[in-house]
Protein backbone atom coordinates (compact mmCIF):
# COMPACT_ATOMS: atom_id res chain seq x y z
CA MET A 1 14.77 12.38 -32.80
CA GLU A 2 11.02 12.70 -32.27
CA ARG A 3 9.79 11.18 -29.05
CA SER A 4 7.18 8.45 -29.16
CA ALA A 5 3.65 9.04 -27.86
CA PRO A 6 2.87 7.94 -24.30
CA PRO A 7 1.65 4.33 -24.05
CA VAL A 8 -2.11 3.94 -23.92
CA PRO A 9 -3.53 2.89 -20.53
CA ILE A 10 -4.09 -0.79 -19.83
CA LYS A 11 -7.42 -1.35 -18.12
CA ARG A 12 -6.44 -4.58 -16.35
CA LEU A 13 -3.59 -2.71 -14.65
CA GLY A 14 -5.98 -0.08 -13.34
CA GLN A 15 -4.08 2.70 -15.08
CA HIS A 16 -5.57 6.17 -14.68
CA PHE A 17 -2.82 8.70 -15.25
CA LEU A 18 -2.80 11.92 -13.26
CA ILE A 19 -2.76 14.89 -15.64
CA ASP A 20 -3.30 17.82 -13.27
CA PRO A 21 0.06 19.32 -12.18
CA ASN A 22 -1.67 21.28 -9.43
CA ILE A 23 -2.84 18.05 -7.79
CA ALA A 24 0.68 16.63 -8.10
CA ARG A 25 2.06 19.68 -6.29
CA LYS A 26 -0.61 19.40 -3.58
CA ILE A 27 0.30 15.75 -2.99
CA VAL A 28 3.98 16.62 -2.65
CA SER A 29 3.07 19.42 -0.25
CA LEU A 30 1.02 17.01 1.88
CA ALA A 31 4.02 14.67 2.01
CA ALA A 32 6.01 17.42 3.80
CA LEU A 33 9.26 16.27 2.22
CA THR A 34 12.70 17.71 2.87
CA SER A 35 15.90 17.65 0.86
CA LYS A 36 17.12 14.79 3.07
CA ASP A 37 14.18 12.45 2.42
CA SER A 38 14.20 9.24 0.42
CA VAL A 39 10.93 8.58 -1.40
CA LEU A 40 9.28 5.48 -2.82
CA GLU A 41 6.81 6.05 -5.65
CA ILE A 42 4.72 3.13 -6.87
CA GLY A 43 3.35 3.38 -10.40
CA PRO A 44 4.91 6.62 -11.72
CA GLY A 45 2.89 6.28 -14.93
CA ARG A 46 3.80 9.18 -17.20
CA GLY A 47 5.89 10.87 -14.55
CA ILE A 48 3.89 13.96 -13.55
CA LEU A 49 4.21 13.26 -9.82
CA THR A 50 7.73 11.88 -10.22
CA VAL A 51 9.07 15.19 -11.51
CA GLU A 52 7.58 17.08 -8.56
CA LEU A 53 9.01 14.58 -6.07
CA CYS A 54 12.49 14.84 -7.56
CA GLN A 55 12.47 18.60 -7.08
CA VAL A 56 12.23 18.34 -3.30
CA ALA A 57 13.49 14.92 -2.17
CA ASN A 58 17.02 13.62 -1.85
CA CYS A 59 16.31 10.37 -3.68
CA VAL A 60 13.25 8.97 -5.46
CA THR A 61 12.84 5.26 -6.22
CA ALA A 62 10.00 4.86 -8.73
CA ILE A 63 8.71 1.32 -9.34
CA GLU A 64 6.81 0.68 -12.58
CA ILE A 65 5.40 -2.74 -13.47
CA ASP A 66 4.49 -1.74 -17.04
CA ARG A 67 7.64 -2.08 -19.13
CA ARG A 68 6.14 0.20 -21.81
CA LEU A 69 5.85 3.03 -19.30
CA TYR A 70 9.30 2.32 -17.88
CA ASP A 71 10.76 2.58 -21.39
CA TYR A 72 8.75 5.76 -22.03
CA LEU A 73 10.10 7.39 -18.86
CA ILE A 74 13.64 6.37 -19.80
CA GLU A 75 13.10 7.83 -23.27
CA ARG A 76 11.80 11.06 -21.74
CA ASP A 77 15.18 11.26 -20.05
CA LEU A 78 14.08 13.09 -16.94
CA SER A 79 17.80 13.69 -16.37
CA ARG A 80 17.58 13.78 -12.63
CA SER A 81 20.47 12.31 -10.71
CA ASN A 82 18.24 11.64 -7.70
CA LEU A 83 15.76 9.44 -9.63
CA HIS A 84 16.06 5.66 -9.66
CA LEU A 85 13.56 4.07 -12.06
CA VAL A 86 12.91 0.37 -11.49
CA PRO A 87 10.92 -1.98 -13.77
CA ALA A 88 9.35 -4.13 -11.06
CA ASP A 89 6.17 -5.35 -9.38
CA ALA A 90 5.58 -3.52 -6.08
CA MET A 91 3.90 -6.63 -4.65
CA VAL A 92 7.22 -8.50 -4.70
CA TYR A 93 9.78 -5.67 -4.71
CA PRO A 94 12.24 -6.02 -1.77
CA PHE A 95 11.20 -3.05 0.34
CA GLU A 96 13.81 -4.07 2.90
CA GLU A 97 16.48 -2.72 0.53
CA LEU A 98 15.12 0.82 0.87
CA PRO A 99 16.52 3.13 3.56
CA ILE A 100 14.73 3.19 6.89
CA GLY A 101 12.73 6.42 6.99
CA THR A 102 11.66 6.26 3.35
CA VAL A 103 8.44 8.19 2.66
CA VAL A 104 5.94 6.52 0.32
CA VAL A 105 4.17 8.90 -2.07
CA ALA A 106 2.08 7.26 -4.78
CA ASN A 107 -1.00 7.23 -6.95
CA LEU A 108 -1.74 3.56 -6.39
CA PRO A 109 -3.20 1.47 -9.23
CA TYR A 110 -6.88 0.86 -8.51
CA TYR A 111 -6.83 -2.87 -9.11
CA ILE A 112 -4.26 -3.58 -6.43
CA SER A 113 -4.52 -0.68 -4.00
CA THR A 114 -5.81 -2.65 -1.01
CA PRO A 115 -3.22 -5.47 -1.08
CA LEU A 116 -0.51 -2.85 -1.64
CA VAL A 117 -1.62 -0.93 1.44
CA PHE A 118 -1.45 -4.15 3.47
CA ARG A 119 2.05 -4.90 2.16
CA LEU A 120 3.32 -1.39 2.81
CA LEU A 121 2.01 -1.53 6.37
CA GLU A 122 3.78 -4.85 6.91
CA HIS A 123 6.99 -2.88 6.31
CA ARG A 124 5.91 0.11 8.40
CA ARG A 125 9.13 0.20 10.42
CA ARG A 126 10.79 1.34 7.21
CA PHE A 127 8.06 3.78 6.16
CA PRO A 128 7.17 6.44 8.75
CA ARG A 129 4.71 8.10 6.40
CA LEU A 130 2.54 6.98 3.49
CA VAL A 131 0.86 9.56 1.26
CA LEU A 132 -1.42 7.60 -1.04
CA MET A 133 -3.98 8.45 -3.69
CA LEU A 134 -6.69 5.78 -3.75
CA GLN A 135 -10.29 5.29 -4.76
CA ASN A 136 -12.41 7.41 -2.46
CA GLU A 137 -14.27 4.31 -1.25
CA VAL A 138 -10.99 2.71 -0.15
CA ALA A 139 -10.01 5.92 1.64
CA ASP A 140 -13.36 5.85 3.46
CA ARG A 141 -12.74 2.26 4.54
CA LEU A 142 -9.31 3.20 5.88
CA ILE A 143 -10.72 5.89 8.18
CA ALA A 144 -14.06 4.19 8.99
CA LYS A 145 -15.23 4.03 12.60
CA PRO A 146 -16.80 1.05 14.39
CA GLY A 147 -20.51 0.67 13.74
CA THR A 148 -20.39 2.02 10.18
CA SER A 149 -20.89 0.09 6.95
CA ASP A 150 -17.37 0.93 5.70
CA TYR A 151 -15.70 -0.51 8.81
CA GLY A 152 -14.02 -3.83 8.17
CA VAL A 153 -10.75 -5.74 7.99
CA LEU A 154 -8.91 -2.94 6.18
CA SER A 155 -10.10 -0.37 8.73
CA VAL A 156 -8.99 -2.40 11.74
CA MET A 157 -5.63 -3.51 10.36
CA ALA A 158 -4.69 -0.08 9.00
CA GLN A 159 -5.75 1.78 12.14
CA TYR A 160 -3.80 -0.70 14.26
CA ALA A 161 -0.66 0.10 12.27
CA ALA A 162 -1.09 3.84 11.67
CA THR A 163 -2.96 7.02 12.38
CA ILE A 164 -4.84 8.00 9.23
CA GLU A 165 -6.31 11.18 7.82
CA LYS A 166 -8.15 11.80 4.59
CA SER A 167 -6.72 15.03 3.25
CA LEU A 168 -7.80 15.70 -0.32
CA LYS A 169 -10.54 14.56 -2.70
CA VAL A 170 -9.60 14.40 -6.37
CA SER A 171 -12.06 14.66 -9.25
CA PRO A 172 -12.10 12.12 -12.10
CA ARG A 173 -11.36 15.09 -14.41
CA CYS A 174 -7.78 15.07 -13.10
CA PHE A 175 -7.03 11.72 -14.77
CA ARG A 176 -6.80 10.20 -18.23
CA PRO A 177 -8.72 8.10 -18.80
CA ARG A 178 -11.29 9.40 -16.37
CA PRO A 179 -12.14 6.82 -13.70
CA GLU A 180 -15.77 6.18 -12.88
CA VAL A 181 -15.15 6.98 -9.21
CA GLU A 182 -13.66 9.83 -7.24
CA SER A 183 -10.22 9.53 -5.69
CA ALA A 184 -8.79 10.76 -2.41
CA VAL A 185 -5.39 11.32 -0.86
CA VAL A 186 -4.81 9.82 2.57
CA ILE A 187 -1.86 10.26 4.91
CA LEU A 188 -0.85 7.37 7.13
CA HIS A 189 1.60 8.03 9.95
CA THR A 190 2.82 4.60 10.96
CA ARG A 191 3.10 3.73 14.64
CA GLU A 192 6.66 3.28 15.86
CA ALA A 193 5.86 1.12 18.87
CA ARG A 194 4.38 -2.34 18.41
CA ILE A 195 1.38 -2.97 20.64
CA LEU A 196 1.56 -6.71 20.00
CA SER A 197 4.49 -9.04 19.46
CA PRO A 198 5.01 -10.42 15.93
CA GLU A 199 3.35 -13.71 16.95
CA GLU A 200 0.45 -11.85 18.53
CA GLU A 201 0.11 -9.67 15.43
CA PHE A 202 -0.23 -12.77 13.27
CA ARG A 203 -3.02 -14.06 15.52
CA PHE A 204 -4.60 -10.59 15.62
CA ALA A 205 -4.74 -10.44 11.82
CA SER A 206 -6.22 -13.96 11.68
CA LEU A 207 -8.83 -13.07 14.29
CA VAL A 208 -9.87 -9.85 12.52
CA LYS A 209 -10.26 -11.62 9.17
CA ALA A 210 -12.25 -14.44 10.78
CA SER A 211 -14.46 -11.97 12.62
CA PHE A 212 -15.54 -10.24 9.40
CA ALA A 213 -15.82 -13.45 7.37
CA HIS A 214 -19.59 -13.50 7.94
CA ARG A 215 -20.67 -9.91 8.56
CA ARG A 216 -24.34 -10.77 9.05
CA LYS A 217 -23.60 -13.22 11.81
CA THR A 218 -22.76 -12.48 15.41
CA LEU A 219 -19.08 -12.44 16.28
CA VAL A 220 -19.46 -15.69 18.21
CA ASN A 221 -20.99 -17.53 15.23
CA SER A 222 -18.61 -16.02 12.72
CA LEU A 223 -15.59 -17.09 14.76
CA LYS A 224 -17.14 -20.51 15.40
CA ASN A 225 -17.48 -21.03 11.66
CA GLN A 226 -13.80 -20.13 11.28
CA GLY A 227 -12.69 -22.73 13.80
CA TYR A 228 -12.53 -20.76 17.07
CA PRO A 229 -13.85 -22.64 20.13
CA GLN A 230 -17.25 -21.15 20.93
CA GLU A 231 -16.92 -21.37 24.70
CA ALA A 232 -13.52 -19.63 24.63
CA VAL A 233 -15.00 -16.76 22.62
CA LEU A 234 -17.97 -16.46 24.96
CA THR A 235 -15.67 -16.42 27.99
CA ALA A 236 -13.51 -13.71 26.38
CA LEU A 237 -16.54 -11.55 25.58
CA ARG A 238 -17.78 -11.85 29.17
CA ALA A 239 -14.33 -10.86 30.45
CA LEU A 240 -14.48 -7.74 28.26
CA ALA A 241 -18.04 -6.98 29.36
CA LEU A 242 -19.22 -7.16 25.75
CA PRO A 243 -22.68 -8.38 24.68
CA LEU A 244 -22.62 -12.01 23.58
CA GLU A 245 -24.64 -11.10 20.47
CA ILE A 246 -22.16 -8.43 19.39
CA ARG A 247 -21.11 -8.22 15.72
CA ALA A 248 -17.59 -7.66 14.45
CA GLU A 249 -18.27 -4.23 12.97
CA THR A 250 -18.99 -2.76 16.39
CA LEU A 251 -15.67 -3.71 18.01
CA SER A 252 -12.94 -1.07 18.24
CA VAL A 253 -9.33 -1.79 17.35
CA GLU A 254 -8.50 -1.84 21.07
CA GLN A 255 -11.23 -4.41 21.72
CA PHE A 256 -9.91 -6.64 18.93
CA ILE A 257 -6.45 -6.40 20.52
CA ALA A 258 -7.85 -7.37 23.92
CA LEU A 259 -9.85 -10.22 22.40
CA THR A 260 -6.72 -11.51 20.66
CA ARG A 261 -4.82 -11.63 23.95
CA LEU A 262 -7.65 -13.44 25.72
CA LEU A 263 -7.88 -16.07 22.97
CA LEU A 264 -4.16 -16.77 22.84
CA PRO A 265 -3.38 -20.37 23.86
């Protein structure tokens, strides 16, 4: 029986399918997988990366939200005993059911890449390594340093949870349809030890988001507008020997951690 044509991309799902097998092989190489590894792939699309992952990993769980693509991959019959295709939304999929030590390797959908990164990092005890293809601008925000325009909430939260390196830029020519932006592959090695307790982490995340809520304002005024007592913030800044007119984008991750501890009730 003749196989059906691949489903056309859906723009609202941010679908840009990788078509370059050489890039797929490079991504798998960067993931440094072994025959004992379990892998999570989010958005397998037409399966070009999936096939490469299955050749080296012990088990590949591939989550696809688009039922048309799931059916297409089933019809393709990849015939690999180590592949588990799942029709599901990665934003609600129960990651806790995956084995501890699972490596995430994925070409993340553009429209949801940032919230997916946040969710994956929330489960970082399960994922020692994330190898992600993202928009280049998102990759730049992940690795941004204090004092730069790209530095923000994503930078601080990701760098708190992992060490990050940008490893490979990918041209729009490697996708169909071609995106209007370049892509990049980043590797996140998640931190095993927690610097803060779960309760402190919650307050840390709230503080970071509040700090960047008004980028043009000083940290004191931005936090004041978000409900933090002004005098407590001023006292904390003095204790850290930081200028009272400092802005959020100049604080390091370590300084945000220290500020969180000083502002704890």
